[in-house]
Amino acid sequence: MAAKKKAATFESALEELEQLVERLESGDLPLDEALADFERGVKLTRECQQKLASAEQKVKVLMEEEGGKIQELPFDAHDDYPGDAE
């Protein structure tokens, strides 16, 4: 039995997912291969979603203020962040 693969990084999972989409969009795959690629794509999508959710949670924890509130800022407002040194 094959050993389990080490968990892929977000970037490598996303790259593989993009390659699978290209293969599927080509329309040149036999049904069995297309189904296997689709199944792998669903798995990679779930892995990416989990990694993004984990990263979002970590960012929220880091951004938490003393009162337990989360200060949400748009990405383009990073210069206005009160924790930034001037």
N, C-alpha and C. Protein backbone atom coordinates (compact mmCIF):
# COMPACT_ATOMS: atom_id res chain seq x y z
N MET A 1 0.84 -1.18 0.00
CA MET A 1 0.00 0.00 0.00
C MET A 1 0.88 1.24 0.00
N ALA A 2 0.51 2.23 -0.77
CA ALA A 2 1.31 3.46 -0.88
C ALA A 2 1.21 4.28 0.39
N ALA A 3 2.31 4.92 0.72
CA ALA A 3 2.32 5.79 1.90
C ALA A 3 1.55 7.06 1.59
N LYS A 4 0.96 7.64 2.64
CA LYS A 4 0.23 8.89 2.45
C LYS A 4 1.18 10.01 2.09
N LYS A 5 0.71 10.89 1.20
CA LYS A 5 1.53 12.05 0.82
C LYS A 5 1.57 13.04 1.98
N LYS A 6 2.68 13.72 2.09
CA LYS A 6 2.81 14.80 3.07
C LYS A 6 1.87 15.93 2.64
N ALA A 7 1.26 16.59 3.60
CA ALA A 7 0.33 17.68 3.30
C ALA A 7 1.02 18.73 2.44
N ALA A 8 0.36 19.10 1.37
CA ALA A 8 0.90 20.08 0.44
C ALA A 8 0.75 21.49 0.99
N THR A 9 1.63 22.36 0.55
CA THR A 9 1.45 23.76 0.91
C THR A 9 0.26 24.30 0.13
N PHE A 10 -0.26 25.43 0.57
CA PHE A 10 -1.39 26.05 -0.12
C PHE A 10 -1.02 26.33 -1.57
N GLU A 11 0.16 26.87 -1.77
CA GLU A 11 0.59 27.24 -3.12
C GLU A 11 0.71 26.02 -4.04
N SER A 12 1.28 24.93 -3.53
CA SER A 12 1.43 23.74 -4.38
C SER A 12 0.07 23.09 -4.65
N ALA A 13 -0.83 23.12 -3.67
CA ALA A 13 -2.17 22.58 -3.88
C ALA A 13 -2.92 23.41 -4.91
N LEU A 14 -2.79 24.72 -4.83
CA LEU A 14 -3.45 25.60 -5.78
C LEU A 14 -2.89 25.41 -7.19
N GLU A 15 -1.59 25.24 -7.29
CA GLU A 15 -0.96 25.01 -8.60
C GLU A 15 -1.46 23.70 -9.21
N GLU A 16 -1.52 22.66 -8.39
CA GLU A 16 -2.02 21.37 -8.90
C GLU A 16 -3.48 21.50 -9.32
N LEU A 17 -4.25 22.23 -8.54
CA LEU A 17 -5.66 22.44 -8.88
C LEU A 17 -5.81 23.15 -10.22
N GLU A 18 -4.98 24.16 -10.45
CA GLU A 18 -5.01 24.88 -11.72
C GLU A 18 -4.68 23.95 -12.89
N GLN A 19 -3.70 23.07 -12.68
CA GLN A 19 -3.34 22.12 -13.73
C GLN A 19 -4.48 21.14 -14.02
N LEU A 20 -5.16 20.70 -12.97
CA LEU A 20 -6.30 19.80 -13.14
C LEU A 20 -7.42 20.48 -13.92
N VAL A 21 -7.67 21.74 -13.60
CA VAL A 21 -8.72 22.49 -14.30
C VAL A 21 -8.39 22.59 -15.78
N GLU A 22 -7.13 22.88 -16.09
CA GLU A 22 -6.71 22.97 -17.50
C GLU A 22 -6.93 21.64 -18.22
N ARG A 23 -6.56 20.54 -17.56
CA ARG A 23 -6.76 19.21 -18.16
C ARG A 23 -8.24 18.93 -18.39
N LEU A 24 -9.05 19.26 -17.39
CA LEU A 24 -10.49 19.00 -17.53
C LEU A 24 -11.13 19.88 -18.60
N GLU A 25 -10.69 21.13 -18.68
CA GLU A 25 -11.25 22.05 -19.67
C GLU A 25 -10.85 21.67 -21.10
N SER A 26 -9.76 20.93 -21.25
CA SER A 26 -9.33 20.54 -22.59
C SER A 26 -10.35 19.62 -23.25
N GLY A 27 -11.05 18.84 -22.44
CA GLY A 27 -12.07 17.95 -22.97
C GLY A 27 -11.52 16.72 -23.65
N ASP A 28 -10.22 16.49 -23.56
CA ASP A 28 -9.59 15.37 -24.26
C ASP A 28 -9.37 14.14 -23.37
N LEU A 29 -9.86 14.17 -22.15
CA LEU A 29 -9.63 13.06 -21.23
C LEU A 29 -10.72 12.01 -21.34
N PRO A 30 -10.34 10.75 -21.20
CA PRO A 30 -11.37 9.71 -21.09
C PRO A 30 -12.18 9.95 -19.81
N LEU A 31 -13.37 9.45 -19.79
CA LEU A 31 -14.28 9.69 -18.66
C LEU A 31 -13.67 9.30 -17.33
N ASP A 32 -13.03 8.14 -17.26
CA ASP A 32 -12.45 7.67 -15.99
C ASP A 32 -11.37 8.63 -15.48
N GLU A 33 -10.53 9.11 -16.39
CA GLU A 33 -9.47 10.06 -15.99
C GLU A 33 -10.08 11.40 -15.58
N ALA A 34 -11.08 11.84 -16.32
CA ALA A 34 -11.74 13.10 -15.99
C ALA A 34 -12.38 13.02 -14.61
N LEU A 35 -13.02 11.91 -14.32
CA LEU A 35 -13.65 11.72 -13.01
C LEU A 35 -12.61 11.70 -11.90
N ALA A 36 -11.49 11.01 -12.13
CA ALA A 36 -10.42 10.95 -11.14
C ALA A 36 -9.83 12.35 -10.91
N ASP A 37 -9.62 13.11 -11.99
CA ASP A 37 -9.10 14.47 -11.86
C ASP A 37 -10.09 15.36 -11.12
N PHE A 38 -11.37 15.20 -11.42
CA PHE A 38 -12.40 15.99 -10.74
C PHE A 38 -12.41 15.68 -9.25
N GLU A 39 -12.32 14.40 -8.91
CA GLU A 39 -12.30 13.98 -7.51
C GLU A 39 -11.08 14.58 -6.79
N ARG A 40 -9.93 14.53 -7.44
CA ARG A 40 -8.71 15.11 -6.86
C ARG A 40 -8.87 16.63 -6.70
N GLY A 41 -9.51 17.25 -7.68
CA GLY A 41 -9.74 18.70 -7.60
C GLY A 41 -10.63 19.09 -6.44
N VAL A 42 -11.65 18.29 -6.19
CA VAL A 42 -12.54 18.55 -5.04
C VAL A 42 -11.74 18.45 -3.74
N LYS A 43 -10.90 17.42 -3.65
CA LYS A 43 -10.08 17.24 -2.44
C LYS A 43 -9.13 18.43 -2.25
N LEU A 44 -8.48 18.85 -3.33
CA LEU A 44 -7.56 19.99 -3.24
C LEU A 44 -8.29 21.27 -2.87
N THR A 45 -9.50 21.45 -3.41
CA THR A 45 -10.29 22.64 -3.09
C THR A 45 -10.60 22.67 -1.60
N ARG A 46 -10.97 21.54 -1.05
CA ARG A 46 -11.27 21.47 0.39
C ARG A 46 -10.03 21.76 1.22
N GLU A 47 -8.88 21.21 0.80
CA GLU A 47 -7.63 21.47 1.52
C GLU A 47 -7.30 22.96 1.50
N CYS A 48 -7.45 23.59 0.34
CA CYS A 48 -7.17 25.02 0.21
C CYS A 48 -8.12 25.83 1.09
N GLN A 49 -9.38 25.47 1.11
CA GLN A 49 -10.35 26.18 1.94
C GLN A 49 -9.99 26.05 3.42
N GLN A 50 -9.57 24.87 3.83
CA GLN A 50 -9.17 24.68 5.23
C GLN A 50 -7.94 25.51 5.58
N LYS A 51 -6.97 25.55 4.67
CA LYS A 51 -5.76 26.33 4.91
C LYS A 51 -6.08 27.82 4.98
N LEU A 52 -6.97 28.30 4.11
CA LEU A 52 -7.37 29.70 4.14
C LEU A 52 -8.13 30.03 5.43
N ALA A 53 -9.02 29.14 5.86
CA ALA A 53 -9.77 29.36 7.09
C ALA A 53 -8.82 29.40 8.29
N SER A 54 -7.82 28.53 8.29
CA SER A 54 -6.84 28.51 9.37
C SER A 54 -6.03 29.80 9.39
N ALA A 55 -5.61 30.25 8.21
CA ALA A 55 -4.85 31.49 8.12
C ALA A 55 -5.70 32.67 8.58
N GLU A 56 -6.97 32.69 8.18
CA GLU A 56 -7.87 33.77 8.59
C GLU A 56 -8.01 33.80 10.12
N GLN A 57 -8.15 32.62 10.73
CA GLN A 57 -8.28 32.55 12.18
C GLN A 57 -7.02 33.07 12.86
N LYS A 58 -5.86 32.72 12.34
CA LYS A 58 -4.61 33.20 12.92
C LYS A 58 -4.51 34.72 12.82
N VAL A 59 -4.92 35.28 11.68
CA VAL A 59 -4.88 36.73 11.51
C VAL A 59 -5.83 37.39 12.51
N LYS A 60 -7.02 36.82 12.70
CA LYS A 60 -7.97 37.39 13.64
C LYS A 60 -7.41 37.38 15.06
N VAL A 61 -6.76 36.29 15.44
CA VAL A 61 -6.16 36.21 16.77
C VAL A 61 -5.08 37.27 16.92
N LEU A 62 -4.27 37.46 15.90
CA LEU A 62 -3.21 38.46 15.97
C LEU A 62 -3.75 39.88 16.00
N MET A 63 -4.91 40.10 15.40
CA MET A 63 -5.48 41.44 15.31
C MET A 63 -6.37 41.77 16.50
N GLU A 64 -6.60 40.80 17.38
CA GLU A 64 -7.51 41.00 18.50
C GLU A 64 -7.00 42.11 19.43
N GLU A 65 -7.91 42.95 19.85
CA GLU A 65 -7.59 44.02 20.79
C GLU A 65 -7.85 43.52 22.21
N GLU A 66 -7.46 44.31 23.20
CA GLU A 66 -7.63 43.92 24.60
C GLU A 66 -9.08 43.61 24.96
N GLY A 67 -10.01 44.36 24.45
CA GLY A 67 -11.41 44.18 24.79
C GLY A 67 -12.04 42.99 24.09
N GLY A 68 -11.28 42.23 23.35
CA GLY A 68 -11.82 41.07 22.67
C GLY A 68 -12.41 41.39 21.30
N LYS A 69 -12.33 42.66 20.91
CA LYS A 69 -12.85 43.05 19.61
C LYS A 69 -11.78 42.83 18.55
N ILE A 70 -12.24 42.55 17.36
CA ILE A 70 -11.31 42.41 16.24
C ILE A 70 -11.42 43.67 15.40
N GLN A 71 -10.28 44.27 15.15
CA GLN A 71 -10.25 45.46 14.33
C GLN A 71 -10.03 45.04 12.89
N GLU A 72 -11.07 45.18 12.07
CA GLU A 72 -10.95 44.80 10.67
C GLU A 72 -10.60 46.02 9.84
N LEU A 73 -9.55 45.88 9.04
CA LEU A 73 -9.10 46.96 8.19
C LEU A 73 -8.98 46.45 6.76
N PRO A 74 -9.30 47.29 5.78
CA PRO A 74 -9.07 46.88 4.39
C PRO A 74 -7.57 46.81 4.13
N PHE A 75 -7.17 45.98 3.19
CA PHE A 75 -5.75 45.81 2.91
C PHE A 75 -5.08 47.12 2.51
N ASP A 76 -5.79 48.00 1.79
CA ASP A 76 -5.17 49.24 1.34
C ASP A 76 -5.03 50.27 2.46
N ALA A 77 -5.56 49.97 3.64
CA ALA A 77 -5.47 50.91 4.76
C ALA A 77 -4.36 50.52 5.73
N HIS A 78 -3.43 49.67 5.31
CA HIS A 78 -2.39 49.20 6.22
C HIS A 78 -1.53 50.34 6.75
N ASP A 79 -1.41 51.43 6.01
CA ASP A 79 -0.60 52.55 6.50
C ASP A 79 -1.25 53.25 7.69
N ASP A 80 -2.56 53.09 7.84
CA ASP A 80 -3.29 53.74 8.91
C ASP A 80 -3.41 52.86 10.16
N TYR A 81 -2.86 51.65 10.13
CA TYR A 81 -2.98 50.75 11.26
C TYR A 81 -2.30 51.34 12.48
N PRO A 82 -3.01 51.41 13.62
CA PRO A 82 -2.47 52.06 14.81
C PRO A 82 -1.20 51.39 15.35
N GLY A 83 -0.97 50.12 15.04
CA GLY A 83 0.22 49.44 15.54
C GLY A 83 1.47 49.72 14.72
N ASP A 84 1.31 50.36 13.59
CA ASP A 84 2.46 50.66 12.73
C ASP A 84 3.29 51.79 13.31
N ALA A 85 4.59 51.64 13.27
CA ALA A 85 5.48 52.71 13.72
C ALA A 85 5.62 53.73 12.62
N GLU A 86 5.70 54.98 13.02
CA GLU A 86 5.85 56.04 12.02
C GLU A 86 7.26 56.51 11.95
